[in-house]
């Protein structure tokens, strides 16, 4: 099992700056998801910037979330 999300901040150009429980800080690019289903809503800056840590992962105010393993493995 990969480390879980400890903190998340919205970054520039639809990125997320994520601190994981192993204290690594990584950047996750959300842009590839913005044309897929419900993730289109994240193009709204108010919604995108509402991201918060949630149960070891992240969640936006509209209820969208991403798998913590995806976040860890695909972040740079």
C-alpha atoms as a PDB file:
ATOM      1  CA  UNK A   1       0.000   0.000   0.000  1.00  0.00           C
ATOM      2  CA  UNK A   2       1.277   3.442  -0.924  1.00  0.00           C
ATOM      3  CA  UNK A   3       1.431   6.351   1.533  1.00  0.00           C
ATOM      4  CA  UNK A   4      -1.759   8.336   1.965  1.00  0.00           C
ATOM      5  CA  UNK A   5      -2.474  12.038   1.546  1.00  0.00           C
ATOM      6  CA  UNK A   6      -1.674  14.218   4.532  1.00  0.00           C
ATOM      7  CA  UNK A   7      -2.219  17.625   2.889  1.00  0.00           C
ATOM      8  CA  UNK A   8      -3.167  19.035  -0.516  1.00  0.00           C
ATOM      9  CA  UNK A   9      -3.040  22.512  -2.028  1.00  0.00           C
ATOM     10  CA  UNK A  10      -4.303  23.569  -5.441  1.00  0.00           C
ATOM     11  CA  UNK A  11      -1.362  24.607  -7.603  1.00  0.00           C
ATOM     12  CA  UNK A  12      -0.828  26.391 -10.889  1.00  0.00           C
ATOM     13  CA  UNK A  13      -2.390  25.218 -14.146  1.00  0.00           C
ATOM     14  CA  UNK A  14      -4.628  22.483 -12.688  1.00  0.00           C
ATOM     15  CA  UNK A  15      -2.005  20.820 -10.541  1.00  0.00           C
ATOM     16  CA  UNK A  16      -2.191  19.659  -6.939  1.00  0.00           C
ATOM     17  CA  UNK A  17       0.699  19.920  -4.499  1.00  0.00           C
ATOM     18  CA  UNK A  18       0.301  16.903  -2.249  1.00  0.00           C
ATOM     19  CA  UNK A  19       2.084  15.994   0.982  1.00  0.00           C
ATOM     20  CA  UNK A  20       1.941  12.265   1.683  1.00  0.00           C
ATOM     21  CA  UNK A  21       2.275  10.408   4.974  1.00  0.00           C
ATOM     22  CA  UNK A  22       5.884   9.500   4.090  1.00  0.00           C
ATOM     23  CA  UNK A  23       6.514  13.308   4.055  1.00  0.00           C
ATOM     24  CA  UNK A  24       7.182  13.372   0.310  1.00  0.00           C
ATOM     25  CA  UNK A  25       5.772  16.376  -1.496  1.00  0.00           C
ATOM     26  CA  UNK A  26       4.665  15.630  -5.038  1.00  0.00           C
ATOM     27  CA  UNK A  27       2.783  17.413  -7.816  1.00  0.00           C
ATOM     28  CA  UNK A  28      -0.200  15.743  -9.481  1.00  0.00           C
ATOM     29  CA  UNK A  29      -1.362  17.016 -12.878  1.00  0.00           C
ATOM     30  CA  UNK A  30      -5.163  17.014 -13.103  1.00  0.00           C
ATOM     31  CA  UNK A  31      -5.285  18.287 -16.723  1.00  0.00           C
ATOM     32  CA  UNK A  32      -5.563  14.789 -18.312  1.00  0.00           C
ATOM     33  CA  UNK A  33      -8.794  14.234 -16.335  1.00  0.00           C
ATOM     34  CA  UNK A  34     -10.514  17.536 -17.214  1.00  0.00           C
ATOM     35  CA  UNK A  35     -12.215  16.188 -20.352  1.00  0.00           C
ATOM     36  CA  UNK A  36     -13.513  13.037 -18.662  1.00  0.00           C
ATOM     37  CA  UNK A  37     -17.024  12.735 -17.251  1.00  0.00           C
ATOM     38  CA  UNK A  38     -17.654  14.506 -13.971  1.00  0.00           C
ATOM     39  CA  UNK A  39     -14.083  15.798 -13.831  1.00  0.00           C
ATOM     40  CA  UNK A  40     -15.088  18.459 -16.373  1.00  0.00           C
ATOM     41  CA  UNK A  41     -16.560  20.363 -13.417  1.00  0.00           C
ATOM     42  CA  UNK A  42     -13.025  20.915 -12.110  1.00  0.00           C
ATOM     43  CA  UNK A  43     -12.463  23.468 -14.888  1.00  0.00           C
ATOM     44  CA  UNK A  44     -14.410  25.808 -12.600  1.00  0.00           C
ATOM     45  CA  UNK A  45     -11.677  27.441 -10.493  1.00  0.00           C
ATOM     46  CA  UNK A  46     -13.902  27.711  -7.417  1.00  0.00           C
ATOM     47  CA  UNK A  47     -14.566  23.974  -7.456  1.00  0.00           C
ATOM     48  CA  UNK A  48     -10.962  23.057  -8.299  1.00  0.00           C
ATOM     49  CA  UNK A  49      -9.636  25.206  -5.451  1.00  0.00           C
ATOM     50  CA  UNK A  50     -12.004  23.548  -2.946  1.00  0.00           C
ATOM     51  CA  UNK A  51      -9.832  20.405  -2.792  1.00  0.00           C
ATOM     52  CA  UNK A  52      -9.139  19.053   0.708  1.00  0.00           C
ATOM     53  CA  UNK A  53      -7.563  15.936   2.233  1.00  0.00           C
ATOM     54  CA  UNK A  54     -10.233  13.301   2.879  1.00  0.00           C
ATOM     55  CA  UNK A  55      -9.761   9.880   4.491  1.00  0.00           C
ATOM     56  CA  UNK A  56      -6.217   9.411   3.166  1.00  0.00           C
ATOM     57  CA  UNK A  57      -7.036  10.790  -0.258  1.00  0.00           C
ATOM     58  CA  UNK A  58      -8.507  14.039  -1.599  1.00  0.00           C
ATOM     59  CA  UNK A  59     -11.994  15.311  -2.276  1.00  0.00           C
ATOM     60  CA  UNK A  60     -13.518  18.392  -3.852  1.00  0.00           C
ATOM     61  CA  UNK A  61     -16.635  20.137  -2.496  1.00  0.00           C
ATOM     62  CA  UNK A  62     -18.722  18.584  -5.272  1.00  0.00           C
ATOM     63  CA  UNK A  63     -17.850  15.073  -3.987  1.00  0.00           C
ATOM     64  CA  UNK A  64     -15.315  14.125  -6.670  1.00  0.00           C
ATOM     65  CA  UNK A  65     -12.283  12.262  -5.442  1.00  0.00           C
ATOM     66  CA  UNK A  66      -9.263  10.349  -6.713  1.00  0.00           C
ATOM     67  CA  UNK A  67      -7.701   7.086  -5.576  1.00  0.00           C
ATOM     68  CA  UNK A  68      -4.773   7.719  -3.195  1.00  0.00           C
ATOM     69  CA  UNK A  69      -2.672   5.114  -5.039  1.00  0.00           C
ATOM     70  CA  UNK A  70      -3.218   6.945  -8.331  1.00  0.00           C
ATOM     71  CA  UNK A  71      -2.244  10.211  -6.692  1.00  0.00           C
ATOM     72  CA  UNK A  72       0.976   8.752  -5.295  1.00  0.00           C
ATOM     73  CA  UNK A  73       2.026   6.741  -8.334  1.00  0.00           C
ATOM     74  CA  UNK A  74       1.237   9.384 -10.971  1.00  0.00           C
ATOM     75  CA  UNK A  75       2.598  12.412  -9.088  1.00  0.00           C
ATOM     76  CA  UNK A  76       6.063  13.768  -9.768  1.00  0.00           C
END
